Amino acid sequence: MIEIYASGQLIGHVSLDGFDDGMGVAFGPFHPSARYAEVRPSITAATEARHQRRLDTNLDLEARTTAGEVIATSFVQIDDFADVDVDPEATVQFSDRAQWLRVSGGAV
């Protein structure tokens, strides 16, 4: 389980169940915490922008281990639509393969 932070505040966890080793990407269901409500409008706006192939807003999302170690990433994004009832999903593109292998237990 990986924690997702927005501007230094924990907004939820992701179970990274899927992996694309060639792209260095892991993804899975996002489980929001209570603080997610504060940033959800920005998350859904960014999701809609990506879906419509427009530039999305630059959100300050960060992935950390449950021990608090910041995971080196190229991007962290949450896909959550405001008007569509789907479970949100998070995607993390790790930029330090050695760190990722260590913190994920070799899952890639």
N, C-alpha and C. Protein backbone atom coordinates (compact mmCIF):
# COMPACT_ATOMS: atom_id res chain seq x y z
N MET A 1 0.85 -1.18 0.00
CA MET A 1 0.00 0.00 0.00
C MET A 1 0.90 1.24 0.00
N ILE A 2 0.58 2.18 -0.86
CA ILE A 2 1.32 3.44 -1.00
C ILE A 2 0.39 4.58 -0.57
N GLU A 3 0.94 5.54 0.15
CA GLU A 3 0.17 6.72 0.55
C GLU A 3 0.32 7.79 -0.50
N ILE A 4 -0.77 8.53 -0.74
CA ILE A 4 -0.75 9.64 -1.69
C ILE A 4 -0.98 10.93 -0.90
N TYR A 5 -0.12 11.90 -1.15
CA TYR A 5 -0.18 13.20 -0.48
C TYR A 5 -0.43 14.30 -1.51
N ALA A 6 -1.18 15.31 -1.11
CA ALA A 6 -1.38 16.51 -1.92
C ALA A 6 -0.93 17.69 -1.05
N SER A 7 0.05 18.42 -1.54
CA SER A 7 0.60 19.56 -0.80
C SER A 7 0.93 19.20 0.64
N GLY A 8 1.51 18.04 0.82
CA GLY A 8 1.95 17.61 2.14
C GLY A 8 0.90 16.99 3.03
N GLN A 9 -0.34 16.86 2.55
CA GLN A 9 -1.43 16.30 3.34
C GLN A 9 -1.84 14.93 2.79
N LEU A 10 -1.95 13.96 3.68
CA LEU A 10 -2.37 12.62 3.27
C LEU A 10 -3.81 12.67 2.76
N ILE A 11 -4.02 12.23 1.51
CA ILE A 11 -5.37 12.24 0.94
C ILE A 11 -5.89 10.84 0.65
N GLY A 12 -5.05 9.81 0.81
CA GLY A 12 -5.53 8.46 0.60
C GLY A 12 -4.40 7.48 0.35
N HIS A 13 -4.82 6.26 0.03
CA HIS A 13 -3.89 5.15 -0.22
C HIS A 13 -4.23 4.51 -1.55
N VAL A 14 -3.23 3.87 -2.13
CA VAL A 14 -3.46 3.13 -3.37
C VAL A 14 -2.86 1.74 -3.22
N SER A 15 -3.62 0.77 -3.67
CA SER A 15 -3.14 -0.60 -3.77
C SER A 15 -2.65 -0.77 -5.20
N LEU A 16 -1.34 -0.74 -5.39
CA LEU A 16 -0.77 -0.82 -6.73
C LEU A 16 -0.76 -2.27 -7.20
N ASP A 17 -1.86 -2.65 -7.86
CA ASP A 17 -2.06 -4.03 -8.29
C ASP A 17 -1.57 -4.30 -9.70
N GLY A 18 -1.50 -3.26 -10.53
CA GLY A 18 -1.09 -3.43 -11.92
C GLY A 18 0.25 -2.78 -12.17
N PHE A 19 1.04 -3.39 -13.06
CA PHE A 19 2.37 -2.88 -13.36
C PHE A 19 2.62 -2.94 -14.86
N ASP A 20 3.27 -1.90 -15.35
CA ASP A 20 3.79 -1.90 -16.72
C ASP A 20 5.28 -1.63 -16.57
N ASP A 21 6.06 -2.70 -16.55
CA ASP A 21 7.49 -2.59 -16.29
C ASP A 21 8.19 -1.73 -17.33
N GLY A 22 7.81 -1.86 -18.58
CA GLY A 22 8.45 -1.10 -19.65
C GLY A 22 8.26 0.40 -19.50
N MET A 23 7.12 0.81 -18.99
CA MET A 23 6.83 2.22 -18.79
C MET A 23 7.20 2.69 -17.38
N GLY A 24 7.52 1.77 -16.50
CA GLY A 24 7.83 2.14 -15.12
C GLY A 24 6.62 2.69 -14.40
N VAL A 25 5.46 2.10 -14.68
CA VAL A 25 4.19 2.61 -14.15
C VAL A 25 3.51 1.52 -13.31
N ALA A 26 2.97 1.94 -12.18
CA ALA A 26 2.16 1.06 -11.33
C ALA A 26 0.82 1.76 -11.10
N PHE A 27 -0.25 0.98 -11.00
CA PHE A 27 -1.58 1.58 -10.86
C PHE A 27 -2.48 0.64 -10.07
N GLY A 28 -3.55 1.21 -9.56
CA GLY A 28 -4.52 0.43 -8.82
C GLY A 28 -5.58 1.29 -8.19
N PRO A 29 -6.50 0.67 -7.44
CA PRO A 29 -7.60 1.41 -6.84
C PRO A 29 -7.11 2.40 -5.78
N PHE A 30 -7.68 3.59 -5.83
CA PHE A 30 -7.37 4.64 -4.88
C PHE A 30 -8.42 4.64 -3.78
N HIS A 31 -7.97 4.67 -2.54
CA HIS A 31 -8.86 4.67 -1.38
C HIS A 31 -8.72 6.00 -0.66
N PRO A 32 -9.66 6.92 -0.86
CA PRO A 32 -9.53 8.27 -0.30
C PRO A 32 -9.63 8.29 1.22
N SER A 33 -8.93 9.25 1.81
CA SER A 33 -9.08 9.52 3.24
C SER A 33 -10.01 10.73 3.38
N ALA A 34 -10.28 11.14 4.60
CA ALA A 34 -11.20 12.27 4.85
C ALA A 34 -10.72 13.55 4.17
N ARG A 35 -9.43 13.77 4.10
CA ARG A 35 -8.88 15.01 3.52
C ARG A 35 -9.05 15.07 2.00
N TYR A 36 -9.37 13.96 1.37
CA TYR A 36 -9.52 13.93 -0.08
C TYR A 36 -10.60 14.90 -0.55
N ALA A 37 -11.63 15.07 0.24
CA ALA A 37 -12.73 15.97 -0.14
C ALA A 37 -12.23 17.39 -0.43
N GLU A 38 -11.17 17.80 0.26
CA GLU A 38 -10.62 19.15 0.07
C GLU A 38 -9.99 19.34 -1.30
N VAL A 39 -9.41 18.28 -1.87
CA VAL A 39 -8.70 18.40 -3.14
C VAL A 39 -9.45 17.75 -4.30
N ARG A 40 -10.55 17.07 -4.01
CA ARG A 40 -11.26 16.34 -5.06
C ARG A 40 -11.66 17.22 -6.24
N PRO A 41 -12.14 18.46 -6.03
CA PRO A 41 -12.47 19.28 -7.21
C PRO A 41 -11.27 19.49 -8.15
N SER A 42 -10.09 19.67 -7.60
CA SER A 42 -8.89 19.82 -8.44
C SER A 42 -8.54 18.51 -9.13
N ILE A 43 -8.70 17.40 -8.42
CA ILE A 43 -8.40 16.08 -9.00
C ILE A 43 -9.36 15.79 -10.15
N THR A 44 -10.66 16.01 -9.94
CA THR A 44 -11.62 15.72 -11.01
C THR A 44 -11.43 16.65 -12.20
N ALA A 45 -11.06 17.91 -11.95
CA ALA A 45 -10.79 18.83 -13.07
C ALA A 45 -9.60 18.35 -13.88
N ALA A 46 -8.55 17.88 -13.21
CA ALA A 46 -7.38 17.37 -13.92
C ALA A 46 -7.73 16.10 -14.70
N THR A 47 -8.54 15.23 -14.10
CA THR A 47 -8.96 14.00 -14.78
C THR A 47 -9.74 14.33 -16.04
N GLU A 48 -10.69 15.23 -15.92
CA GLU A 48 -11.50 15.62 -17.08
C GLU A 48 -10.62 16.23 -18.17
N ALA A 49 -9.65 17.04 -17.78
CA ALA A 49 -8.75 17.66 -18.76
C ALA A 49 -7.95 16.59 -19.51
N ARG A 50 -7.40 15.61 -18.78
CA ARG A 50 -6.65 14.53 -19.44
C ARG A 50 -7.56 13.74 -20.37
N HIS A 51 -8.78 13.46 -19.91
CA HIS A 51 -9.73 12.68 -20.71
C HIS A 51 -10.07 13.40 -22.02
N GLN A 52 -10.10 14.72 -21.97
CA GLN A 52 -10.42 15.51 -23.16
C GLN A 52 -9.16 15.95 -23.92
N ARG A 53 -8.03 15.38 -23.52
CA ARG A 53 -6.73 15.66 -24.15
C ARG A 53 -6.35 17.14 -24.08
N ARG A 54 -6.72 17.76 -22.98
CA ARG A 54 -6.30 19.13 -22.70
C ARG A 54 -5.23 19.07 -21.61
N LEU A 55 -4.48 20.11 -21.49
CA LEU A 55 -3.49 20.16 -20.42
C LEU A 55 -4.22 20.13 -19.08
N ASP A 56 -3.71 19.30 -18.19
CA ASP A 56 -4.34 19.26 -16.88
C ASP A 56 -3.64 20.24 -15.94
N THR A 57 -4.28 20.50 -14.83
CA THR A 57 -3.69 21.39 -13.85
C THR A 57 -2.51 20.69 -13.19
N ASN A 58 -1.57 21.46 -12.77
CA ASN A 58 -0.38 20.90 -12.12
C ASN A 58 -0.67 20.70 -10.64
N LEU A 59 -0.96 19.48 -10.27
CA LEU A 59 -1.24 19.17 -8.87
C LEU A 59 0.04 18.70 -8.20
N ASP A 60 0.19 19.04 -6.96
CA ASP A 60 1.36 18.66 -6.19
C ASP A 60 1.07 17.34 -5.47
N LEU A 61 1.07 16.22 -6.23
CA LEU A 61 0.81 14.91 -5.64
C LEU A 61 2.13 14.18 -5.43
N GLU A 62 2.19 13.45 -4.34
CA GLU A 62 3.41 12.75 -3.97
C GLU A 62 3.06 11.36 -3.45
N ALA A 63 3.91 10.40 -3.77
CA ALA A 63 3.73 9.03 -3.27
C ALA A 63 4.76 8.78 -2.18
N ARG A 64 4.30 8.12 -1.10
CA ARG A 64 5.19 7.78 0.00
C ARG A 64 4.87 6.36 0.47
N THR A 65 5.87 5.74 1.07
CA THR A 65 5.62 4.46 1.71
C THR A 65 4.87 4.72 3.01
N THR A 66 4.32 3.68 3.59
CA THR A 66 3.63 3.86 4.87
C THR A 66 4.60 4.23 5.99
N ALA A 67 5.90 4.03 5.75
CA ALA A 67 6.93 4.44 6.71
C ALA A 67 7.33 5.91 6.50
N GLY A 68 6.76 6.56 5.48
CA GLY A 68 7.01 7.98 5.24
C GLY A 68 8.08 8.29 4.22
N GLU A 69 8.69 7.27 3.60
CA GLU A 69 9.72 7.52 2.59
C GLU A 69 9.08 8.04 1.31
N VAL A 70 9.59 9.17 0.82
CA VAL A 70 9.09 9.73 -0.44
C VAL A 70 9.60 8.85 -1.58
N ILE A 71 8.70 8.48 -2.47
CA ILE A 71 9.05 7.66 -3.63
C ILE A 71 9.35 8.59 -4.80
N ALA A 72 10.51 8.41 -5.41
CA ALA A 72 10.91 9.21 -6.56
C ALA A 72 9.99 8.86 -7.73
N THR A 73 9.27 9.86 -8.23
CA THR A 73 8.31 9.63 -9.31
C THR A 73 8.46 10.67 -10.41
N SER A 74 8.03 10.29 -11.61
CA SER A 74 7.91 11.25 -12.70
C SER A 74 6.53 11.92 -12.62
N PHE A 75 5.54 11.14 -12.20
CA PHE A 75 4.21 11.70 -11.96
C PHE A 75 3.41 10.79 -11.05
N VAL A 76 2.46 11.40 -10.38
CA VAL A 76 1.43 10.70 -9.60
C VAL A 76 0.12 11.33 -10.04
N GLN A 77 -0.83 10.50 -10.45
CA GLN A 77 -2.13 11.05 -10.83
C GLN A 77 -3.24 10.17 -10.30
N ILE A 78 -4.36 10.81 -10.05
CA ILE A 78 -5.57 10.11 -9.61
C ILE A 78 -6.62 10.37 -10.68
N ASP A 79 -7.24 9.31 -11.17
CA ASP A 79 -8.33 9.44 -12.13
C ASP A 79 -9.64 9.29 -11.37
N ASP A 80 -10.38 10.39 -11.31
CA ASP A 80 -11.65 10.44 -10.59
C ASP A 80 -12.53 11.43 -11.34
N PHE A 81 -13.67 10.97 -11.80
CA PHE A 81 -14.58 11.83 -12.56
C PHE A 81 -15.68 12.37 -11.66
N ALA A 82 -16.02 13.64 -11.84
CA ALA A 82 -17.05 14.28 -11.02
C ALA A 82 -18.44 13.76 -11.36
N ASP A 83 -18.71 13.54 -12.64
CA ASP A 83 -20.06 13.21 -13.08
C ASP A 83 -20.26 11.74 -13.46
N VAL A 84 -19.24 10.92 -13.25
CA VAL A 84 -19.32 9.51 -13.60
C VAL A 84 -19.05 8.71 -12.34
N ASP A 85 -19.94 7.78 -12.04
CA ASP A 85 -19.80 6.99 -10.82
C ASP A 85 -18.88 5.80 -11.06
N VAL A 86 -17.58 6.06 -10.93
CA VAL A 86 -16.57 5.00 -11.04
C VAL A 86 -15.64 5.12 -9.84
N ASP A 87 -15.03 4.01 -9.49
CA ASP A 87 -14.07 4.03 -8.40
C ASP A 87 -12.79 4.70 -8.88
N PRO A 88 -12.25 5.63 -8.10
CA PRO A 88 -11.02 6.30 -8.53
C PRO A 88 -9.83 5.33 -8.58
N GLU A 89 -8.90 5.64 -9.48
CA GLU A 89 -7.70 4.84 -9.64
C GLU A 89 -6.50 5.79 -9.62
N ALA A 90 -5.39 5.35 -9.02
CA ALA A 90 -4.16 6.14 -9.00
C ALA A 90 -3.10 5.46 -9.85
N THR A 91 -2.27 6.29 -10.47
CA THR A 91 -1.16 5.81 -11.28
C THR A 91 0.10 6.52 -10.83
N VAL A 92 1.17 5.75 -10.68
CA VAL A 92 2.46 6.28 -10.25
C VAL A 92 3.50 5.84 -11.27
N GLN A 93 4.25 6.81 -11.81
CA GLN A 93 5.38 6.44 -12.66
C GLN A 93 6.64 6.67 -11.84
N PHE A 94 7.29 5.59 -11.46
CA PHE A 94 8.47 5.70 -10.61
C PHE A 94 9.67 6.07 -11.48
N SER A 95 10.56 6.89 -10.92
CA SER A 95 11.73 7.33 -11.68
C SER A 95 13.04 6.74 -11.16
N ASP A 96 12.98 6.05 -10.04
CA ASP A 96 14.16 5.39 -9.48
C ASP A 96 13.83 3.91 -9.34
N ARG A 97 14.22 3.13 -10.34
CA ARG A 97 13.86 1.71 -10.37
C ARG A 97 14.38 0.95 -9.15
N ALA A 98 15.60 1.23 -8.73
CA ALA A 98 16.17 0.53 -7.57
C ALA A 98 15.34 0.81 -6.32
N GLN A 99 14.97 2.07 -6.12
CA GLN A 99 14.14 2.40 -4.96
C GLN A 99 12.79 1.71 -5.07
N TRP A 100 12.20 1.74 -6.25
CA TRP A 100 10.89 1.12 -6.43
C TRP A 100 10.93 -0.37 -6.11
N LEU A 101 11.94 -1.05 -6.61
CA LEU A 101 12.07 -2.48 -6.35
C LEU A 101 12.22 -2.74 -4.84
N ARG A 102 12.95 -1.86 -4.17
CA ARG A 102 13.14 -2.03 -2.72
C ARG A 102 11.84 -1.79 -1.96
N VAL A 103 11.15 -0.69 -2.26
CA VAL A 103 9.95 -0.36 -1.47
C VAL A 103 8.74 -1.21 -1.84
N SER A 104 8.75 -1.75 -3.06
CA SER A 104 7.62 -2.58 -3.48
C SER A 104 7.86 -4.06 -3.23
N GLY A 105 9.02 -4.38 -2.70
CA GLY A 105 9.35 -5.79 -2.47
C GLY A 105 9.67 -6.53 -3.76
N GLY A 106 10.13 -5.80 -4.77
CA GLY A 106 10.50 -6.43 -6.04
C GLY A 106 9.34 -6.63 -6.99
N ALA A 107 8.21 -5.98 -6.71
CA ALA A 107 7.01 -6.15 -7.54
C ALA A 107 7.09 -5.31 -8.80
N VAL A 108 7.73 -5.79 -9.79
CA VAL A 108 7.74 -5.25 -11.15
C VAL A 108 8.49 -6.20 -12.01
